[in-house]
Amino acid sequence: MLNWLEKQSVPGEHLFVGPADLRRSSWCDTFIYHLMPKLQAGTYFLEMNPLSANRLNSRLAADVGSSDWLLLDRAIDSCREQNRSLEFQSDTPNQVVRENFRLVKQFGPYLIFHRKI
């Protein structure tokens, strides 16, 4: 998956890594940023913590919107920790994905989106 993304991307482009459903934030695959050194992290929120990244008026939607690539993990969406990560927050980041990105590849639970041209 990362080899494919490496070949498709251009050095300096921005990569956002997170859960497929951005209304919830329990965790994300932060290590991927380290494995893709030619790409810049596309968000201030390298970790997704409940009511941090997805709180009301957070910059998450803007960060998603300014990225070139999204690597979203559907496996995270099934996480059911008994804490506030179960709570759905704003759908705005998901709207940004739907309006500004297209799904270009899928690897197991991972969805790779690229900015629409």
N, C-alpha and C. Protein backbone atom coordinates (compact mmCIF):
# COMPACT_ATOMS: atom_id res chain seq x y z
N MET A 1 0.83 -1.18 0.00
CA MET A 1 0.00 0.00 0.00
C MET A 1 0.87 1.25 0.00
N LEU A 2 1.85 1.30 0.91
CA LEU A 2 2.70 2.48 1.00
C LEU A 2 3.60 2.61 -0.22
N ASN A 3 4.03 1.48 -0.79
CA ASN A 3 4.81 1.54 -2.03
C ASN A 3 3.98 2.16 -3.15
N TRP A 4 2.71 1.77 -3.22
CA TRP A 4 1.82 2.33 -4.24
C TRP A 4 1.68 3.84 -4.05
N LEU A 5 1.43 4.26 -2.83
CA LEU A 5 1.28 5.69 -2.54
C LEU A 5 2.58 6.44 -2.82
N GLU A 6 3.69 5.84 -2.51
CA GLU A 6 5.00 6.44 -2.79
C GLU A 6 5.16 6.74 -4.28
N LYS A 7 4.75 5.80 -5.12
CA LYS A 7 4.87 5.96 -6.57
C LYS A 7 3.90 6.99 -7.14
N GLN A 8 2.74 7.13 -6.53
CA GLN A 8 1.71 8.04 -7.03
C GLN A 8 1.89 9.48 -6.58
N SER A 9 2.51 9.67 -5.44
CA SER A 9 2.60 11.00 -4.84
C SER A 9 3.87 11.74 -5.28
N VAL A 10 3.87 13.03 -5.02
CA VAL A 10 4.99 13.91 -5.35
C VAL A 10 5.58 14.43 -4.05
N PRO A 11 6.91 14.49 -3.96
CA PRO A 11 7.52 15.01 -2.72
C PRO A 11 6.94 16.37 -2.34
N GLY A 12 6.65 16.52 -1.06
CA GLY A 12 6.10 17.78 -0.55
C GLY A 12 4.59 17.83 -0.49
N GLU A 13 3.91 16.88 -1.12
CA GLU A 13 2.46 16.86 -1.02
C GLU A 13 2.07 16.52 0.42
N HIS A 14 0.82 16.84 0.76
CA HIS A 14 0.34 16.64 2.12
C HIS A 14 -0.51 15.38 2.23
N LEU A 15 -0.24 14.60 3.27
CA LEU A 15 -0.94 13.35 3.55
C LEU A 15 -1.67 13.47 4.87
N PHE A 16 -2.94 13.11 4.86
CA PHE A 16 -3.74 13.05 6.09
C PHE A 16 -4.03 11.58 6.37
N VAL A 17 -3.77 11.14 7.60
CA VAL A 17 -4.03 9.76 8.03
C VAL A 17 -5.05 9.80 9.15
N GLY A 18 -6.12 9.02 9.02
CA GLY A 18 -7.13 9.03 10.07
C GLY A 18 -8.15 7.91 9.88
N PRO A 19 -9.19 7.94 10.70
CA PRO A 19 -10.27 6.96 10.57
C PRO A 19 -11.11 7.28 9.34
N ALA A 20 -11.78 6.29 8.79
CA ALA A 20 -12.63 6.53 7.63
C ALA A 20 -13.82 7.42 7.99
N ASP A 21 -14.37 7.25 9.16
CA ASP A 21 -15.48 8.09 9.63
C ASP A 21 -14.90 9.14 10.56
N LEU A 22 -14.76 10.34 10.05
CA LEU A 22 -14.10 11.41 10.80
C LEU A 22 -14.99 12.06 11.85
N ARG A 23 -16.19 11.53 12.04
CA ARG A 23 -17.04 12.03 13.14
C ARG A 23 -16.57 11.50 14.48
N ARG A 24 -15.83 10.40 14.45
CA ARG A 24 -15.30 9.81 15.68
C ARG A 24 -13.78 9.85 15.64
N SER A 25 -13.18 9.97 16.79
CA SER A 25 -11.71 10.00 16.83
C SER A 25 -11.21 9.21 18.02
N SER A 26 -10.88 7.96 17.78
CA SER A 26 -10.34 7.16 18.87
C SER A 26 -8.84 7.01 18.74
N TRP A 27 -8.36 6.79 17.56
CA TRP A 27 -6.92 6.70 17.30
C TRP A 27 -6.70 6.71 15.80
N CYS A 28 -5.45 6.73 15.37
CA CYS A 28 -5.14 6.63 13.95
C CYS A 28 -3.76 6.01 13.79
N ASP A 29 -3.42 5.70 12.57
CA ASP A 29 -2.17 5.03 12.27
C ASP A 29 -1.04 6.05 12.10
N THR A 30 -0.68 6.71 13.18
CA THR A 30 0.29 7.79 13.17
C THR A 30 1.63 7.36 12.59
N PHE A 31 2.01 6.11 12.79
CA PHE A 31 3.30 5.62 12.32
C PHE A 31 3.47 5.77 10.81
N ILE A 32 2.37 5.87 10.07
CA ILE A 32 2.45 5.98 8.62
C ILE A 32 3.14 7.27 8.20
N TYR A 33 2.96 8.34 8.97
CA TYR A 33 3.66 9.59 8.64
C TYR A 33 5.17 9.36 8.61
N HIS A 34 5.68 8.58 9.54
CA HIS A 34 7.11 8.29 9.61
C HIS A 34 7.56 7.44 8.42
N LEU A 35 6.69 6.56 7.95
CA LEU A 35 7.03 5.67 6.84
C LEU A 35 6.92 6.34 5.47
N MET A 36 6.38 7.55 5.43
CA MET A 36 6.22 8.30 4.18
C MET A 36 6.95 9.64 4.28
N PRO A 37 8.28 9.63 4.40
CA PRO A 37 9.02 10.86 4.69
C PRO A 37 8.98 11.92 3.59
N LYS A 38 8.67 11.55 2.37
CA LYS A 38 8.64 12.58 1.32
C LYS A 38 7.34 13.38 1.35
N LEU A 39 6.34 12.90 2.09
CA LEU A 39 5.07 13.62 2.21
C LEU A 39 5.01 14.36 3.54
N GLN A 40 4.36 15.49 3.53
CA GLN A 40 4.18 16.30 4.73
C GLN A 40 2.90 15.87 5.44
N ALA A 41 2.93 15.87 6.75
CA ALA A 41 1.70 15.60 7.51
C ALA A 41 0.68 16.67 7.17
N GLY A 42 -0.51 16.25 6.81
CA GLY A 42 -1.55 17.18 6.37
C GLY A 42 -2.43 17.69 7.49
N THR A 43 -2.00 17.52 8.72
CA THR A 43 -2.84 17.95 9.83
C THR A 43 -2.02 18.27 11.07
N TYR A 44 -2.55 19.14 11.86
CA TYR A 44 -2.00 19.43 13.18
C TYR A 44 -2.22 18.24 14.10
N PHE A 45 -3.29 17.50 13.86
CA PHE A 45 -3.71 16.40 14.73
C PHE A 45 -3.07 15.08 14.28
N LEU A 46 -1.83 14.85 14.67
CA LEU A 46 -1.18 13.59 14.32
C LEU A 46 -1.83 12.43 15.04
N GLU A 47 -2.41 12.68 16.18
CA GLU A 47 -3.17 11.66 16.91
C GLU A 47 -4.62 12.12 16.97
N MET A 48 -5.52 11.17 16.87
CA MET A 48 -6.95 11.47 16.96
C MET A 48 -7.43 11.09 18.35
N ASN A 49 -7.71 12.09 19.14
CA ASN A 49 -8.20 11.86 20.50
C ASN A 49 -9.61 12.42 20.62
N PRO A 50 -10.47 11.77 21.40
CA PRO A 50 -11.85 12.23 21.54
C PRO A 50 -11.94 13.69 21.97
N LEU A 51 -12.78 14.40 21.25
CA LEU A 51 -13.08 15.81 21.52
C LEU A 51 -11.85 16.71 21.43
N SER A 52 -10.86 16.26 20.71
CA SER A 52 -9.70 17.10 20.41
C SER A 52 -9.77 17.42 18.93
N ALA A 53 -9.44 16.46 18.11
CA ALA A 53 -9.48 16.67 16.67
C ALA A 53 -10.88 16.95 16.16
N ASN A 54 -11.87 16.29 16.72
CA ASN A 54 -13.23 16.40 16.18
C ASN A 54 -14.16 17.26 17.02
N ARG A 55 -13.62 18.09 17.87
CA ARG A 55 -14.47 18.97 18.68
C ARG A 55 -15.12 20.04 17.79
N LEU A 56 -16.14 20.66 18.29
CA LEU A 56 -16.82 21.74 17.57
C LEU A 56 -15.82 22.84 17.26
N ASN A 57 -15.84 23.32 16.04
CA ASN A 57 -14.96 24.40 15.58
C ASN A 57 -13.48 24.02 15.54
N SER A 58 -13.16 22.73 15.48
CA SER A 58 -11.75 22.35 15.35
C SER A 58 -11.30 22.62 13.92
N ARG A 59 -10.03 22.54 13.70
CA ARG A 59 -9.48 22.79 12.38
C ARG A 59 -9.39 21.52 11.54
N LEU A 60 -9.95 20.42 12.02
CA LEU A 60 -9.84 19.14 11.33
C LEU A 60 -10.35 19.21 9.90
N ALA A 61 -11.51 19.77 9.67
CA ALA A 61 -12.07 19.84 8.31
C ALA A 61 -11.16 20.65 7.39
N ALA A 62 -10.62 21.75 7.89
CA ALA A 62 -9.70 22.56 7.08
C ALA A 62 -8.42 21.80 6.78
N ASP A 63 -7.91 21.06 7.76
CA ASP A 63 -6.70 20.27 7.55
C ASP A 63 -6.94 19.19 6.50
N VAL A 64 -8.07 18.51 6.60
CA VAL A 64 -8.42 17.49 5.60
C VAL A 64 -8.50 18.15 4.22
N GLY A 65 -9.18 19.27 4.15
CA GLY A 65 -9.38 19.96 2.88
C GLY A 65 -8.12 20.47 2.23
N SER A 66 -7.09 20.73 3.02
CA SER A 66 -5.84 21.24 2.45
C SER A 66 -4.85 20.13 2.12
N SER A 67 -5.23 18.89 2.35
CA SER A 67 -4.35 17.76 2.05
C SER A 67 -4.48 17.35 0.59
N ASP A 68 -3.46 16.68 0.10
CA ASP A 68 -3.48 16.15 -1.26
C ASP A 68 -3.93 14.69 -1.27
N TRP A 69 -3.54 13.96 -0.23
CA TRP A 69 -3.84 12.54 -0.10
C TRP A 69 -4.47 12.27 1.24
N LEU A 70 -5.43 11.36 1.26
CA LEU A 70 -6.04 10.90 2.50
C LEU A 70 -5.85 9.39 2.58
N LEU A 71 -5.39 8.91 3.72
CA LEU A 71 -5.28 7.48 3.97
C LEU A 71 -6.18 7.20 5.16
N LEU A 72 -7.36 6.67 4.89
CA LEU A 72 -8.37 6.49 5.93
C LEU A 72 -8.57 5.00 6.21
N ASP A 73 -8.63 4.67 7.49
CA ASP A 73 -8.67 3.28 7.94
C ASP A 73 -10.06 2.93 8.45
N ARG A 74 -10.76 2.04 7.73
CA ARG A 74 -12.10 1.62 8.14
C ARG A 74 -12.08 0.74 9.38
N ALA A 75 -10.98 0.06 9.66
CA ALA A 75 -10.90 -0.80 10.84
C ALA A 75 -11.06 0.01 12.12
N ILE A 76 -10.59 1.23 12.10
CA ILE A 76 -10.71 2.09 13.28
C ILE A 76 -12.17 2.37 13.60
N ASP A 77 -13.00 2.42 12.58
CA ASP A 77 -14.42 2.75 12.78
C ASP A 77 -15.15 1.71 13.63
N SER A 78 -14.64 0.50 13.69
CA SER A 78 -15.30 -0.54 14.49
C SER A 78 -14.80 -0.57 15.93
N CYS A 79 -13.86 0.28 16.26
CA CYS A 79 -13.34 0.35 17.63
C CYS A 79 -14.46 0.81 18.57
N ARG A 80 -14.63 0.12 19.66
CA ARG A 80 -15.72 0.43 20.60
C ARG A 80 -15.19 0.57 22.02
N GLU A 81 -14.26 1.47 22.21
CA GLU A 81 -13.76 1.73 23.56
C GLU A 81 -14.87 2.37 24.39
N GLN A 82 -14.90 2.08 25.65
CA GLN A 82 -15.93 2.64 26.53
C GLN A 82 -15.49 4.01 27.05
N ASN A 83 -15.45 4.96 26.13
CA ASN A 83 -15.11 6.33 26.48
C ASN A 83 -15.77 7.26 25.46
N ARG A 84 -15.38 8.50 25.45
CA ARG A 84 -16.05 9.48 24.60
C ARG A 84 -15.74 9.33 23.12
N SER A 85 -14.83 8.43 22.78
CA SER A 85 -14.55 8.21 21.36
C SER A 85 -15.74 7.56 20.64
N LEU A 86 -16.69 7.03 21.39
CA LEU A 86 -17.90 6.46 20.80
C LEU A 86 -18.86 7.53 20.29
N GLU A 87 -18.71 8.74 20.78
CA GLU A 87 -19.65 9.82 20.44
C GLU A 87 -19.36 10.39 19.05
N PHE A 88 -20.41 10.53 18.26
CA PHE A 88 -20.27 11.18 16.96
C PHE A 88 -20.21 12.69 17.16
N GLN A 89 -19.32 13.32 16.41
CA GLN A 89 -19.20 14.77 16.43
C GLN A 89 -19.55 15.30 15.04
N SER A 90 -19.03 16.43 14.67
CA SER A 90 -19.36 17.09 13.41
C SER A 90 -19.09 16.21 12.19
N ASP A 91 -19.99 16.28 11.22
CA ASP A 91 -19.82 15.56 9.96
C ASP A 91 -19.07 16.39 8.92
N THR A 92 -18.70 17.61 9.26
CA THR A 92 -18.04 18.51 8.31
C THR A 92 -16.79 17.90 7.68
N PRO A 93 -15.89 17.27 8.45
CA PRO A 93 -14.73 16.66 7.79
C PRO A 93 -15.12 15.59 6.76
N ASN A 94 -16.14 14.80 7.05
CA ASN A 94 -16.62 13.80 6.08
C ASN A 94 -17.18 14.47 4.83
N GLN A 95 -17.85 15.60 5.00
CA GLN A 95 -18.37 16.35 3.85
C GLN A 95 -17.24 16.84 2.97
N VAL A 96 -16.16 17.29 3.60
CA VAL A 96 -14.98 17.75 2.85
C VAL A 96 -14.42 16.60 2.01
N VAL A 97 -14.37 15.41 2.59
CA VAL A 97 -13.88 14.24 1.85
C VAL A 97 -14.78 13.98 0.65
N ARG A 98 -16.08 13.94 0.87
CA ARG A 98 -17.03 13.65 -0.22
C ARG A 98 -16.96 14.68 -1.35
N GLU A 99 -16.81 15.95 -0.98
CA GLU A 99 -16.86 17.02 -1.97
C GLU A 99 -15.54 17.27 -2.69
N ASN A 100 -14.42 16.98 -2.05
CA ASN A 100 -13.13 17.40 -2.59
C ASN A 100 -12.16 16.28 -2.95
N PHE A 101 -12.53 15.04 -2.67
CA PHE A 101 -11.61 13.92 -2.91
C PHE A 101 -12.32 12.80 -3.64
N ARG A 102 -11.51 11.99 -4.32
CA ARG A 102 -12.04 10.79 -4.98
C ARG A 102 -11.26 9.58 -4.49
N LEU A 103 -11.97 8.50 -4.29
CA LEU A 103 -11.34 7.25 -3.88
C LEU A 103 -10.55 6.71 -5.06
N VAL A 104 -9.25 6.45 -4.86
CA VAL A 104 -8.42 5.97 -5.96
C VAL A 104 -7.90 4.55 -5.75
N LYS A 105 -7.88 4.08 -4.51
CA LYS A 105 -7.35 2.74 -4.24
C LYS A 105 -7.82 2.26 -2.89
N GLN A 106 -7.94 0.95 -2.78
CA GLN A 106 -8.33 0.34 -1.50
C GLN A 106 -7.39 -0.83 -1.24
N PHE A 107 -6.88 -0.90 -0.02
CA PHE A 107 -6.03 -1.99 0.42
C PHE A 107 -6.61 -2.50 1.74
N GLY A 108 -7.34 -3.61 1.71
CA GLY A 108 -7.96 -4.11 2.93
C GLY A 108 -8.85 -3.03 3.53
N PRO A 109 -8.64 -2.69 4.81
CA PRO A 109 -9.47 -1.67 5.44
C PRO A 109 -9.08 -0.23 5.07
N TYR A 110 -7.97 -0.08 4.36
CA TYR A 110 -7.47 1.26 4.04
C TYR A 110 -8.06 1.79 2.74
N LEU A 111 -8.48 3.03 2.79
CA LEU A 111 -8.99 3.74 1.62
C LEU A 111 -8.04 4.88 1.31
N ILE A 112 -7.61 4.98 0.06
CA ILE A 112 -6.73 6.08 -0.34
C ILE A 112 -7.52 7.00 -1.25
N PHE A 113 -7.59 8.25 -0.84
CA PHE A 113 -8.28 9.29 -1.60
C PHE A 113 -7.25 10.29 -2.12
N HIS A 114 -7.54 10.85 -3.31
CA HIS A 114 -6.70 11.91 -3.86
C HIS A 114 -7.59 13.11 -4.14
N ARG A 115 -7.01 14.28 -3.98
CA ARG A 115 -7.75 15.52 -4.22
C ARG A 115 -8.27 15.54 -5.65
N LYS A 116 -9.54 15.95 -5.81
CA LYS A 116 -10.12 16.10 -7.15
C LYS A 116 -9.42 17.26 -7.86
N ILE A 117 -9.24 17.10 -9.14
CA ILE A 117 -8.58 18.16 -9.93
C ILE A 117 -9.62 19.04 -10.57
